[in-house]
């Protein structure tokens, strides 16, 4: 099982980034996918979720209207498009896959760093 995030980097406030998370080793299409983020000294924060079929999507209030989560089950990949980035969006962004029972089926990527700074 592998989740590999990519697309992070250093951007200026107001700019955009698109993160990708490529999955392998499990049946991606039956898993709900989530993006989390964690900044130094902060707890891990759930940013966005998308159901296995893509029909149910939710966002944290802090990113609503700016971030868009999507998935391509044919490519076993989930995306996070981040627009109008702010310095407070700076964090390591992690991809998570889970399905019931989550105690058994809960996988994490290694994360990708996003830094928003002028």
Protein backbone atom coordinates (compact mmCIF):
# COMPACT_ATOMS: atom_id res chain seq x y z
CA UNK A 1 0.00 0.00 0.00
CA UNK A 2 1.36 3.38 -0.99
CA UNK A 3 0.13 6.97 -1.06
CA UNK A 4 2.52 9.43 -2.65
CA UNK A 5 1.80 13.16 -2.46
CA UNK A 6 3.32 15.68 -4.82
CA UNK A 7 2.84 19.25 -5.95
CA UNK A 8 3.86 21.15 -2.85
CA UNK A 9 6.22 24.07 -2.89
CA UNK A 10 6.85 27.70 -2.03
CA UNK A 11 4.34 30.22 -3.35
CA UNK A 12 3.37 33.80 -2.65
CA UNK A 13 0.06 34.79 -1.03
CA UNK A 14 -2.78 34.73 -3.52
CA UNK A 15 -1.18 32.13 -5.74
CA UNK A 16 -2.36 28.59 -6.43
CA UNK A 17 -1.06 25.04 -6.13
CA UNK A 18 -2.47 21.67 -7.07
CA UNK A 19 -1.53 18.73 -4.90
CA UNK A 20 -1.76 15.16 -6.13
CA UNK A 21 -1.85 11.90 -4.21
CA UNK A 22 -1.18 8.76 -6.22
CA UNK A 23 -2.41 5.53 -4.65
CA UNK A 24 -1.28 1.98 -5.23
CA UNK A 25 -1.58 -1.40 -3.61
CA UNK A 26 -5.28 -1.22 -2.77
CA UNK A 27 -8.64 -0.76 -4.49
CA UNK A 28 -8.68 3.02 -4.62
CA UNK A 29 -12.24 3.32 -5.91
CA UNK A 30 -13.83 1.95 -2.73
CA UNK A 31 -11.97 4.24 -0.35
CA UNK A 32 -12.99 7.64 0.92
CA UNK A 33 -10.11 10.06 0.53
CA UNK A 34 -9.06 12.93 2.74
CA UNK A 35 -6.50 15.71 2.79
CA UNK A 36 -5.14 16.74 6.15
CA UNK A 37 -2.56 19.36 7.02
CA UNK A 38 -0.26 19.90 9.95
CA UNK A 39 1.70 23.01 10.76
CA UNK A 40 4.54 23.03 13.31
CA UNK A 41 3.13 23.13 16.83
CA UNK A 42 -0.41 22.57 15.62
CA UNK A 43 -2.70 19.56 15.65
CA UNK A 44 -3.43 17.77 12.42
CA UNK A 45 -6.37 19.43 10.69
CA UNK A 46 -8.84 17.79 8.32
CA UNK A 47 -8.95 19.97 5.21
CA UNK A 48 -11.21 18.16 2.72
CA UNK A 49 -12.93 14.84 2.18
CA UNK A 50 -14.34 13.11 -0.87
CA UNK A 51 -16.35 9.91 -0.88
CA UNK A 52 -15.36 6.86 -2.89
CA UNK A 53 -17.68 7.77 -5.74
CA UNK A 54 -16.96 11.47 -5.53
CA UNK A 55 -20.57 12.38 -4.77
CA UNK A 56 -20.01 13.64 -1.24
CA UNK A 57 -17.46 16.39 -0.58
CA UNK A 58 -16.77 18.41 2.53
CA UNK A 59 -14.33 21.17 3.45
CA UNK A 60 -13.00 22.77 6.57
CA UNK A 61 -14.44 26.26 7.06
CA UNK A 62 -10.93 27.68 6.79
CA UNK A 63 -10.56 26.57 3.16
CA UNK A 64 -14.16 26.59 1.92
CA UNK A 65 -14.45 28.52 -1.33
CA UNK A 66 -10.70 28.42 -1.97
CA UNK A 67 -9.81 24.70 -2.12
CA UNK A 68 -11.30 22.01 -4.33
CA UNK A 69 -10.88 18.28 -3.80
CA UNK A 70 -11.39 15.87 -6.68
CA UNK A 71 -10.50 12.33 -7.63
CA UNK A 72 -9.85 10.23 -10.70
CA UNK A 73 -10.59 6.61 -9.88
CA UNK A 74 -9.19 5.46 -13.23
CA UNK A 75 -5.83 6.96 -12.25
CA UNK A 76 -6.11 6.10 -8.54
CA UNK A 77 -5.34 9.70 -7.73
CA UNK A 78 -6.88 12.38 -5.55
CA UNK A 79 -6.21 16.07 -6.03
CA UNK A 80 -6.40 19.23 -3.98
CA UNK A 81 -6.55 22.47 -5.91
CA UNK A 82 -5.65 25.35 -3.63
CA UNK A 83 -6.44 28.88 -4.78
CA UNK A 84 -5.95 32.23 -3.07
CA UNK A 85 -3.37 30.76 -0.76
CA UNK A 86 -2.66 32.49 2.52
CA UNK A 87 0.35 32.33 4.86
CA UNK A 88 -1.81 30.41 7.35
CA UNK A 89 -2.17 27.63 4.78
CA UNK A 90 1.50 26.81 5.30
CA UNK A 91 1.74 23.20 6.48
CA UNK A 92 2.62 19.67 5.52
CA UNK A 93 -0.32 18.30 3.55
CA UNK A 94 -1.06 14.61 3.95
CA UNK A 95 -3.25 12.27 1.97
CA UNK A 96 -5.39 9.68 3.76
CA UNK A 97 -7.41 6.73 2.47
CA UNK A 98 -9.93 4.94 4.58
CA UNK A 99 -12.91 2.66 4.49
CA UNK A 100 -14.89 0.68 7.00
CA UNK A 101 -13.65 -0.77 9.26
CA UNK A 102 -11.26 2.16 9.60
CA UNK A 103 -9.25 0.41 12.29
CA UNK A 104 -8.06 -1.95 9.59
CA UNK A 105 -8.27 0.12 6.40
CA UNK A 106 -6.64 3.48 7.10
CA UNK A 107 -3.58 4.54 5.09
CA UNK A 108 -1.40 7.66 5.08
CA UNK A 109 1.04 9.29 2.72
CA UNK A 110 4.30 10.89 3.78
CA UNK A 111 3.14 14.44 3.12
CA UNK A 112 4.17 17.34 0.93
CA UNK A 113 5.25 20.74 2.21
CA UNK A 114 3.29 23.83 1.21
CA UNK A 115 4.79 27.18 2.16
CA UNK A 116 2.98 30.44 1.48
CA UNK A 117 5.22 33.43 2.01
CA UNK A 118 6.09 36.72 0.40
